[in-house]
Amino acid sequence: KIVAGVDYPSPFLWASTADDRTHPAHARKGAAR
């Protein structure tokens, strides 16, 4: 749902490298997008 042409409220995403439950990939990819 992160798409061009929309102003988002400068979110702060954080994660933990050793998190083997939800995994840091989710937050990483959100930031990269």
Full PDB file with SEQRES, HELIX, SHEET, SSBOND, CRYST1, ORIGX, SCALE, CONECT and MASTER records, all heavy atoms in Angstrom:
SEQRES   1 A   33  LYS ILE VAL ALA GLY VAL ASP TYR PRO SER PRO PHE LEU          
SEQRES   2 A   33  TRP ALA SER THR ALA ASP ASP ARG THR HIS PRO ALA HIS          
SEQRES   3 A   33  ALA ARG LYS GLY ALA ALA ARG                                  
HELIX    1 AA1 ALA A   25  ALA A   32  1                                   8    
CRYST1    1.000    1.000    1.000  90.00  90.00  90.00 P 1           1          
ORIGX1      1.000000  0.000000  0.000000        0.00000                         
ORIGX2      0.000000  1.000000  0.000000        0.00000                         
ORIGX3      0.000000  0.000000  1.000000        0.00000                         
SCALE1      1.000000  0.000000  0.000000        0.00000                         
SCALE2      0.000000  1.000000  0.000000        0.00000                         
SCALE3      0.000000  0.000000  1.000000        0.00000                         
ATOM      1  N   LYS A   1       0.811  -1.219   0.000  1.00  0.00           N  
ATOM      2  CA  LYS A   1       0.000   0.000   0.000  1.00  0.00           C  
ATOM      3  C   LYS A   1       0.844   1.269   0.000  1.00  0.00           C  
ATOM      4  O   LYS A   1       0.294   2.368  -0.067  1.00  0.00           O  
ATOM      5  CB  LYS A   1      -0.946   0.002   1.204  1.00  0.00           C  
ATOM      6  CG  LYS A   1      -2.033  -1.068   1.142  1.00  0.00           C  
ATOM      7  CD  LYS A   1      -2.942  -0.880  -0.055  1.00  0.00           C  
ATOM      8  CE  LYS A   1      -4.011  -1.944  -0.115  1.00  0.00           C  
ATOM      9  NZ  LYS A   1      -4.881  -1.792  -1.302  1.00  0.00           N  
ATOM     10  N   ILE A   2       2.155   1.136   0.128  1.00  0.00           N  
ATOM     11  CA  ILE A   2       3.025   2.311   0.004  1.00  0.00           C  
ATOM     12  C   ILE A   2       3.217   2.589  -1.488  1.00  0.00           C  
ATOM     13  O   ILE A   2       3.860   1.815  -2.195  1.00  0.00           O  
ATOM     14  CB  ILE A   2       4.381   2.075   0.695  1.00  0.00           C  
ATOM     15  CG1 ILE A   2       4.178   1.880   2.200  1.00  0.00           C  
ATOM     16  CG2 ILE A   2       5.327   3.248   0.446  1.00  0.00           C  
ATOM     17  CD1 ILE A   2       5.442   1.519   2.951  1.00  0.00           C  
ATOM     18  N   VAL A   3       2.624   3.686  -1.948  1.00  0.00           N  
ATOM     19  CA  VAL A   3       2.592   3.968  -3.381  1.00  0.00           C  
ATOM     20  C   VAL A   3       3.025   5.412  -3.636  1.00  0.00           C  
ATOM     21  O   VAL A   3       3.040   6.246  -2.732  1.00  0.00           O  
ATOM     22  CB  VAL A   3       1.179   3.731  -3.963  1.00  0.00           C  
ATOM     23  CG1 VAL A   3       0.805   2.259  -3.874  1.00  0.00           C  
ATOM     24  CG2 VAL A   3       0.145   4.594  -3.248  1.00  0.00           C  
ATOM     25  N   ALA A   4       3.359   5.680  -4.873  1.00  0.00           N  
ATOM     26  CA  ALA A   4       3.769   7.036  -5.261  1.00  0.00           C  
ATOM     27  C   ALA A   4       2.583   7.989  -5.185  1.00  0.00           C  
ATOM     28  O   ALA A   4       1.426   7.596  -5.341  1.00  0.00           O  
ATOM     29  CB  ALA A   4       4.346   7.014  -6.678  1.00  0.00           C  
ATOM     30  N   GLY A   5       2.889   9.265  -4.933  1.00  0.00           N  
ATOM     31  CA  GLY A   5       1.870  10.294  -4.959  1.00  0.00           C  
ATOM     32  C   GLY A   5       1.119  10.493  -3.665  1.00  0.00           C  
ATOM     33  O   GLY A   5       0.151  11.259  -3.620  1.00  0.00           O  
ATOM     34  N   VAL A   6       1.520   9.795  -2.605  1.00  0.00           N  
ATOM     35  CA  VAL A   6       0.869   9.927  -1.295  1.00  0.00           C  
ATOM     36  C   VAL A   6       1.910  10.419  -0.293  1.00  0.00           C  
ATOM     37  O   VAL A   6       3.039   9.929  -0.273  1.00  0.00           O  
ATOM     38  CB  VAL A   6       0.271   8.587  -0.820  1.00  0.00           C  
ATOM     39  CG1 VAL A   6      -0.366   8.750   0.567  1.00  0.00           C  
ATOM     40  CG2 VAL A   6      -0.747   8.065  -1.824  1.00  0.00           C  
ATOM     41  N   ASP A   7       1.534  11.370   0.543  1.00  0.00           N  
ATOM     42  CA  ASP A   7       2.438  11.861   1.588  1.00  0.00           C  
ATOM     43  C   ASP A   7       2.165  11.098   2.880  1.00  0.00           C  
ATOM     44  O   ASP A   7       1.075  11.210   3.459  1.00  0.00           O  
ATOM     45  CB  ASP A   7       2.225  13.361   1.817  1.00  0.00           C  
ATOM     46  CG  ASP A   7       2.711  14.189   0.640  1.00  0.00           C  
ATOM     47  OD1 ASP A   7       3.680  13.765  -0.025  1.00  0.00           O  
ATOM     48  OD2 ASP A   7       2.115  15.250   0.385  1.00  0.00           O  
ATOM     49  N   TYR A   8       3.147  10.330   3.309  1.00  0.00           N  
ATOM     50  CA  TYR A   8       3.022   9.557   4.546  1.00  0.00           C  
ATOM     51  C   TYR A   8       3.654  10.344   5.701  1.00  0.00           C  
ATOM     52  O   TYR A   8       4.505  11.216   5.474  1.00  0.00           O  
ATOM     53  CB  TYR A   8       3.683   8.192   4.384  1.00  0.00           C  
ATOM     54  CG  TYR A   8       3.056   7.372   3.282  1.00  0.00           C  
ATOM     55  CD1 TYR A   8       3.671   7.236   2.044  1.00  0.00           C  
ATOM     56  CD2 TYR A   8       1.818   6.767   3.473  1.00  0.00           C  
ATOM     57  CE1 TYR A   8       3.081   6.505   1.020  1.00  0.00           C  
ATOM     58  CE2 TYR A   8       1.215   6.034   2.454  1.00  0.00           C  
ATOM     59  CZ  TYR A   8       1.849   5.905   1.229  1.00  0.00           C  
ATOM     60  OH  TYR A   8       1.250   5.188   0.227  1.00  0.00           O  
ATOM     61  N   PRO A   9       3.278  10.039   6.949  1.00  0.00           N  
ATOM     62  CA  PRO A   9       3.715  10.864   8.090  1.00  0.00           C  
ATOM     63  C   PRO A   9       5.115  10.519   8.603  1.00  0.00           C  
ATOM     64  O   PRO A   9       5.310  10.336   9.804  1.00  0.00           O  
ATOM     65  CB  PRO A   9       2.643  10.574   9.140  1.00  0.00           C  
ATOM     66  CG  PRO A   9       2.199   9.179   8.850  1.00  0.00           C  
ATOM     67  CD  PRO A   9       2.258   9.044   7.353  1.00  0.00           C  
ATOM     68  N   SER A  10       6.100  10.439   7.701  1.00  0.00           N  
ATOM     69  CA  SER A  10       7.504  10.196   8.076  1.00  0.00           C  
ATOM     70  C   SER A  10       7.638   9.099   9.125  1.00  0.00           C  
ATOM     71  O   SER A  10       8.140   9.323  10.231  1.00  0.00           O  
ATOM     72  CB  SER A  10       8.144  11.489   8.598  1.00  0.00           C  
ATOM     73  OG  SER A  10       8.107  12.495   7.632  1.00  0.00           O  
ATOM     74  N   PRO A  11       7.189   7.883   8.823  1.00  0.00           N  
ATOM     75  CA  PRO A  11       7.185   6.841   9.850  1.00  0.00           C  
ATOM     76  C   PRO A  11       8.590   6.463  10.312  1.00  0.00           C  
ATOM     77  O   PRO A  11       9.568   6.598   9.574  1.00  0.00           O  
ATOM     78  CB  PRO A  11       6.509   5.667   9.140  1.00  0.00           C  
ATOM     79  CG  PRO A  11       6.718   5.918   7.684  1.00  0.00           C  
ATOM     80  CD  PRO A  11       6.676   7.399   7.531  1.00  0.00           C  
ATOM     81  N   PHE A  12       8.654   5.973  11.541  1.00  0.00           N  
ATOM     82  CA  PHE A  12       9.884   5.451  12.140  1.00  0.00           C  
ATOM     83  C   PHE A  12       9.689   3.950  12.300  1.00  0.00           C  
ATOM     84  O   PHE A  12       8.898   3.500  13.122  1.00  0.00           O  
ATOM     85  CB  PHE A  12      10.132   6.132  13.482  1.00  0.00           C  
ATOM     86  CG  PHE A  12      11.363   5.647  14.228  1.00  0.00           C  
ATOM     87  CD1 PHE A  12      12.359   4.906  13.615  1.00  0.00           C  
ATOM     88  CD2 PHE A  12      11.528   5.956  15.570  1.00  0.00           C  
ATOM     89  CE1 PHE A  12      13.487   4.469  14.300  1.00  0.00           C  
ATOM     90  CE2 PHE A  12      12.647   5.530  16.287  1.00  0.00           C  
ATOM     91  CZ  PHE A  12      13.621   4.785  15.640  1.00  0.00           C  
ATOM     92  N   LEU A  13      10.404   3.168  11.491  1.00  0.00           N  
ATOM     93  CA  LEU A  13      10.325   1.711  11.557  1.00  0.00           C  
ATOM     94  C   LEU A  13      11.567   1.178  12.254  1.00  0.00           C  
ATOM     95  O   LEU A  13      12.682   1.625  11.975  1.00  0.00           O  
ATOM     96  CB  LEU A  13      10.224   1.097  10.158  1.00  0.00           C  
ATOM     97  CG  LEU A  13       9.048   1.549   9.282  1.00  0.00           C  
ATOM     98  CD1 LEU A  13       9.476   2.675   8.353  1.00  0.00           C  
ATOM     99  CD2 LEU A  13       8.497   0.377   8.461  1.00  0.00           C  
ATOM    100  N   TRP A  14      11.395   0.241  13.177  1.00  0.00           N  
ATOM    101  CA  TRP A  14      12.568  -0.390  13.777  1.00  0.00           C  
ATOM    102  C   TRP A  14      12.330  -1.877  14.002  1.00  0.00           C  
ATOM    103  O   TRP A  14      11.191  -2.326  14.125  1.00  0.00           O  
ATOM    104  CB  TRP A  14      13.029   0.318  15.040  1.00  0.00           C  
ATOM    105  CG  TRP A  14      12.197   0.211  16.288  1.00  0.00           C  
ATOM    106  CD1 TRP A  14      11.281   1.103  16.728  1.00  0.00           C  
ATOM    107  CD2 TRP A  14      12.261  -0.824  17.277  1.00  0.00           C  
ATOM    108  NE1 TRP A  14      10.757   0.699  17.928  1.00  0.00           N  
ATOM    109  CE2 TRP A  14      11.346  -0.478  18.292  1.00  0.00           C  
ATOM    110  CE3 TRP A  14      13.002  -1.997  17.408  1.00  0.00           C  
ATOM    111  CZ2 TRP A  14      11.135  -1.279  19.419  1.00  0.00           C  
ATOM    112  CZ3 TRP A  14      12.798  -2.794  18.529  1.00  0.00           C  
ATOM    113  CH2 TRP A  14      11.881  -2.442  19.518  1.00  0.00           C  
ATOM    114  N   ALA A  15      13.434  -2.602  14.035  1.00  0.00           N  
ATOM    115  CA  ALA A  15      13.377  -4.057  14.139  1.00  0.00           C  
ATOM    116  C   ALA A  15      14.618  -4.556  14.864  1.00  0.00           C  
ATOM    117  O   ALA A  15      15.474  -3.768  15.280  1.00  0.00           O  
ATOM    118  CB  ALA A  15      13.283  -4.678  12.745  1.00  0.00           C  
ATOM    119  N   SER A  16      14.717  -5.871  15.029  1.00  0.00           N  
ATOM    120  CA  SER A  16      15.872  -6.501  15.675  1.00  0.00           C  
ATOM    121  C   SER A  16      16.434  -7.584  14.763  1.00  0.00           C  
ATOM    122  O   SER A  16      15.682  -8.414  14.250  1.00  0.00           O  
ATOM    123  CB  SER A  16      15.476  -7.128  17.019  1.00  0.00           C  
ATOM    124  OG  SER A  16      15.073  -6.134  17.943  1.00  0.00           O  
ATOM    125  N   THR A  17      17.739  -7.581  14.597  1.00  0.00           N  
ATOM    126  CA  THR A  17      18.378  -8.549  13.704  1.00  0.00           C  
ATOM    127  C   THR A  17      18.115  -9.983  14.154  1.00  0.00           C  
ATOM    128  O   THR A  17      17.910 -10.877  13.334  1.00  0.00           O  
ATOM    129  CB  THR A  17      19.897  -8.301  13.646  1.00  0.00           C  
ATOM    130  OG1 THR A  17      20.139  -6.922  13.350  1.00  0.00           O  
ATOM    131  CG2 THR A  17      20.552  -9.160  12.583  1.00  0.00           C  
ATOM    132  N   ALA A  18      18.128 -10.223  15.461  1.00  0.00           N  
ATOM    133  CA  ALA A  18      17.974 -11.579  15.996  1.00  0.00           C  
ATOM    134  C   ALA A  18      16.522 -11.997  16.160  1.00  0.00           C  
ATOM    135  O   ALA A  18      16.251 -13.062  16.704  1.00  0.00           O  
ATOM    136  CB  ALA A  18      18.697 -11.695  17.337  1.00  0.00           C  
ATOM    137  N   ASP A  19      15.599 -11.185  15.696  1.00  0.00           N  
ATOM    138  CA  ASP A  19      14.178 -11.524  15.825  1.00  0.00           C  
ATOM    139  C   ASP A  19      13.832 -12.625  14.829  1.00  0.00           C  
ATOM    140  O   ASP A  19      13.653 -12.372  13.640  1.00  0.00           O  
ATOM    141  CB  ASP A  19      13.332 -10.271  15.573  1.00  0.00           C  
ATOM    142  CG  ASP A  19      11.838 -10.542  15.680  1.00  0.00           C  
ATOM    143  OD1 ASP A  19      11.456 -11.675  16.041  1.00  0.00           O  
ATOM    144  OD2 ASP A  19      11.054  -9.616  15.413  1.00  0.00           O  
ATOM    145  N   ASP A  20      13.736 -13.863  15.322  1.00  0.00           N  
ATOM    146  CA  ASP A  20      13.386 -14.968  14.440  1.00  0.00           C  
ATOM    147  C   ASP A  20      11.894 -15.277  14.488  1.00  0.00           C  
ATOM    148  O   ASP A  20      11.453 -16.313  14.017  1.00  0.00           O  
ATOM    149  CB  ASP A  20      14.198 -16.222  14.772  1.00  0.00           C  
ATOM    150  CG  ASP A  20      14.099 -16.633  16.239  1.00  0.00           C  
ATOM    151  OD1 ASP A  20      13.549 -15.869  17.050  1.00  0.00           O  
ATOM    152  OD2 ASP A  20      14.592 -17.738  16.582  1.00  0.00           O  
ATOM    153  N   ARG A  21      11.120 -14.355  15.054  1.00  0.00           N  
ATOM    154  CA  ARG A  21       9.661 -14.524  15.101  1.00  0.00           C  
ATOM    155  C   ARG A  21       9.019 -13.744  13.954  1.00  0.00           C  
ATOM    156  O   ARG A  21       8.659 -14.312  12.934  1.00  0.00           O  
ATOM    157  CB  ARG A  21       9.119 -14.075  16.455  1.00  0.00           C  
ATOM    158  CG  ARG A  21       7.698 -14.552  16.721  1.00  0.00           C  
ATOM    159  CD  ARG A  21       7.181 -14.055  18.077  1.00  0.00           C  
ATOM    160  NE  ARG A  21       8.129 -14.290  19.163  1.00  0.00           N  
ATOM    161  CZ  ARG A  21       7.942 -13.871  20.417  1.00  0.00           C  
ATOM    162  NH1 ARG A  21       6.851 -13.172  20.713  1.00  0.00           N  
ATOM    163  NH2 ARG A  21       8.824 -14.126  21.358  1.00  0.00           N  
ATOM    164  N   THR A  22       8.886 -12.425  14.090  1.00  0.00           N  
ATOM    165  CA  THR A  22       8.360 -11.658  12.948  1.00  0.00           C  
ATOM    166  C   THR A  22       9.440 -11.397  11.907  1.00  0.00           C  
ATOM    167  O   THR A  22       9.123 -11.269  10.724  1.00  0.00           O  
ATOM    168  CB  THR A  22       7.762 -10.310  13.394  1.00  0.00           C  
ATOM    169  OG1 THR A  22       8.745  -9.545  14.081  1.00  0.00           O  
ATOM    170  CG2 THR A  22       6.547 -10.514  14.280  1.00  0.00           C  
ATOM    171  N   HIS A  23      10.716 -11.309  12.335  1.00  0.00           N  
ATOM    172  CA  HIS A  23      11.859 -11.139  11.441  1.00  0.00           C  
ATOM    173  C   HIS A  23      12.021  -9.667  11.034  1.00  0.00           C  
ATOM    174  O   HIS A  23      11.038  -8.970  10.819  1.00  0.00           O  
ATOM    175  CB  HIS A  23      11.703 -12.004  10.181  1.00  0.00           C  
ATOM    176  CG  HIS A  23      12.975 -12.246   9.424  1.00  0.00           C  
ATOM    177  ND1 HIS A  23      13.515 -11.320   8.558  1.00  0.00           N  
ATOM    178  CD2 HIS A  23      13.813 -13.302   9.397  1.00  0.00           C  
ATOM    179  CE1 HIS A  23      14.627 -11.807   8.026  1.00  0.00           C  
ATOM    180  NE2 HIS A  23      14.836 -12.997   8.521  1.00  0.00           N  
ATOM    181  N   PRO A  24      13.267  -9.182  10.935  1.00  0.00           N  
ATOM    182  CA  PRO A  24      13.481  -7.781  10.573  1.00  0.00           C  
ATOM    183  C   PRO A  24      13.133  -7.437   9.133  1.00  0.00           C  
ATOM    184  O   PRO A  24      13.065  -6.253   8.772  1.00  0.00           O  
ATOM    185  CB  PRO A  24      14.980  -7.583  10.834  1.00  0.00           C  
ATOM    186  CG  PRO A  24      15.578  -8.948  10.699  1.00  0.00           C  
ATOM    187  CD  PRO A  24      14.535  -9.876  11.254  1.00  0.00           C  
ATOM    188  N   ALA A  25      12.913  -8.436   8.287  1.00  0.00           N  
ATOM    189  CA  ALA A  25      12.658  -8.170   6.872  1.00  0.00           C  
ATOM    190  C   ALA A  25      11.471  -7.239   6.660  1.00  0.00           C  
ATOM    191  O   ALA A  25      11.482  -6.393   5.756  1.00  0.00           O  
ATOM    192  CB  ALA A  25      12.421  -9.485   6.125  1.00  0.00           C  
ATOM    193  N   HIS A  26      10.436  -7.381   7.471  1.00  0.00           N  
ATOM    194  CA  HIS A  26       9.227  -6.579   7.270  1.00  0.00           C  
ATOM    195  C   HIS A  26       9.523  -5.088   7.385  1.00  0.00           C  
ATOM    196  O   HIS A  26       9.155  -4.295   6.511  1.00  0.00           O  
ATOM    197  CB  HIS A  26       8.164  -6.989   8.286  1.00  0.00           C  
ATOM    198  CG  HIS A  26       7.554  -8.324   8.024  1.00  0.00           C  
ATOM    199  ND1 HIS A  26       6.571  -8.508   7.084  1.00  0.00           N  
ATOM    200  CD2 HIS A  26       7.794  -9.547   8.579  1.00  0.00           C  
ATOM    201  CE1 HIS A  26       6.217  -9.788   7.068  1.00  0.00           C  
ATOM    202  NE2 HIS A  26       6.949 -10.440   7.965  1.00  0.00           N  
ATOM    203  N   ALA A  27      10.174  -4.705   8.479  1.00  0.00           N  
ATOM    204  CA  ALA A  27      10.483  -3.284   8.669  1.00  0.00           C  
ATOM    205  C   ALA A  27      11.496  -2.800   7.637  1.00  0.00           C  
ATOM    206  O   ALA A  27      11.386  -1.679   7.119  1.00  0.00           O  
ATOM    207  CB  ALA A  27      11.014  -3.057  10.081  1.00  0.00           C  
ATOM    208  N   ARG A  28      12.491  -3.630   7.347  1.00  0.00           N  
ATOM    209  CA  ARG A  28      13.500  -3.253   6.357  1.00  0.00           C  
ATOM    210  C   ARG A  28      12.848  -2.925   5.016  1.00  0.00           C  
ATOM    211  O   ARG A  28      13.137  -1.910   4.377  1.00  0.00           O  
ATOM    212  CB  ARG A  28      14.501  -4.397   6.163  1.00  0.00           C  
ATOM    213  CG  ARG A  28      15.431  -4.673   7.320  1.00  0.00           C  
ATOM    214  CD  ARG A  28      16.247  -5.922   7.016  1.00  0.00           C  
ATOM    215  NE  ARG A  28      17.214  -6.252   8.056  1.00  0.00           N  
ATOM    216  CZ  ARG A  28      18.015  -7.318   8.019  1.00  0.00           C  
ATOM    217  NH1 ARG A  28      17.953  -8.140   6.981  1.00  0.00           N  
ATOM    218  NH2 ARG A  28      18.863  -7.552   8.999  1.00  0.00           N  
ATOM    219  N   LYS A  29      11.980  -3.820   4.565  1.00  0.00           N  
ATOM    220  CA  LYS A  29      11.381  -3.648   3.249  1.00  0.00           C  
ATOM    221  C   LYS A  29      10.453  -2.437   3.206  1.00  0.00           C  
ATOM    222  O   LYS A  29      10.385  -1.734   2.191  1.00  0.00           O  
ATOM    223  CB  LYS A  29      10.642  -4.925   2.848  1.00  0.00           C  
ATOM    224  CG  LYS A  29      11.580  -6.095   2.570  1.00  0.00           C  
ATOM    225  CD  LYS A  29      10.848  -7.419   2.430  1.00  0.00           C  
ATOM    226  CE  LYS A  29       9.964  -7.448   1.219  1.00  0.00           C  
ATOM    227  NZ  LYS A  29       9.314  -8.771   1.038  1.00  0.00           N  
ATOM    228  N   GLY A  30       9.760  -2.189   4.327  1.00  0.00           N  
ATOM    229  CA  GLY A  30       8.929  -0.993   4.378  1.00  0.00           C  
ATOM    230  C   GLY A  30       9.756   0.265   4.226  1.00  0.00           C  
ATOM    231  O   GLY A  30       9.391   1.188   3.472  1.00  0.00           O  
ATOM    232  N   ALA A  31      10.898   0.319   4.920  1.00  0.00           N  
ATOM    233  CA  ALA A  31      11.781   1.478   4.814  1.00  0.00           C  
ATOM    234  C   ALA A  31      12.350   1.608   3.401  1.00  0.00           C  
ATOM    235  O   ALA A  31      12.437   2.717   2.842  1.00  0.00           O  
ATOM    236  CB  ALA A  31      12.905   1.365   5.836  1.00  0.00           C  
ATOM    237  N   ALA A  32      12.741   0.483   2.816  1.00  0.00           N  
ATOM    238  CA  ALA A  32      13.313   0.519   1.466  1.00  0.00           C  
ATOM    239  C   ALA A  32      12.292   1.019   0.445  1.00  0.00           C  
ATOM    240  O   ALA A  32      12.635   1.778  -0.480  1.00  0.00           O  
ATOM    241  CB  ALA A  32      13.812  -0.875   1.080  1.00  0.00           C  
ATOM    242  N   ARG A  33      11.034   0.612   0.608  1.00  0.00           N  
ATOM    243  CA  ARG A  33       9.998   1.069  -0.321  1.00  0.00           C  
ATOM    244  C   ARG A  33       9.771   2.576  -0.175  1.00  0.00           C  
ATOM    245  O   ARG A  33       9.637   3.304  -1.170  1.00  0.00           O  
ATOM    246  CB  ARG A  33       8.704   0.299  -0.056  1.00  0.00           C  
ATOM    247  CG  ARG A  33       7.510   0.703  -0.915  1.00  0.00           C  
ATOM    248  CD  ARG A  33       7.710   0.393  -2.404  1.00  0.00           C  
ATOM    249  NE  ARG A  33       7.897  -1.004  -2.665  1.00  0.00           N  
ATOM    250  CZ  ARG A  33       6.907  -1.894  -2.838  1.00  0.00           C  
ATOM    251  NH1 ARG A  33       5.652  -1.506  -2.756  1.00  0.00           N  
ATOM    252  NH2 ARG A  33       7.186  -3.156  -3.103  1.00  0.00           N  
TER     253      ARG A  33                                                      
MASTER        0    0    0    1    0    0    0    6  252    1    0    3          
END                                                                             
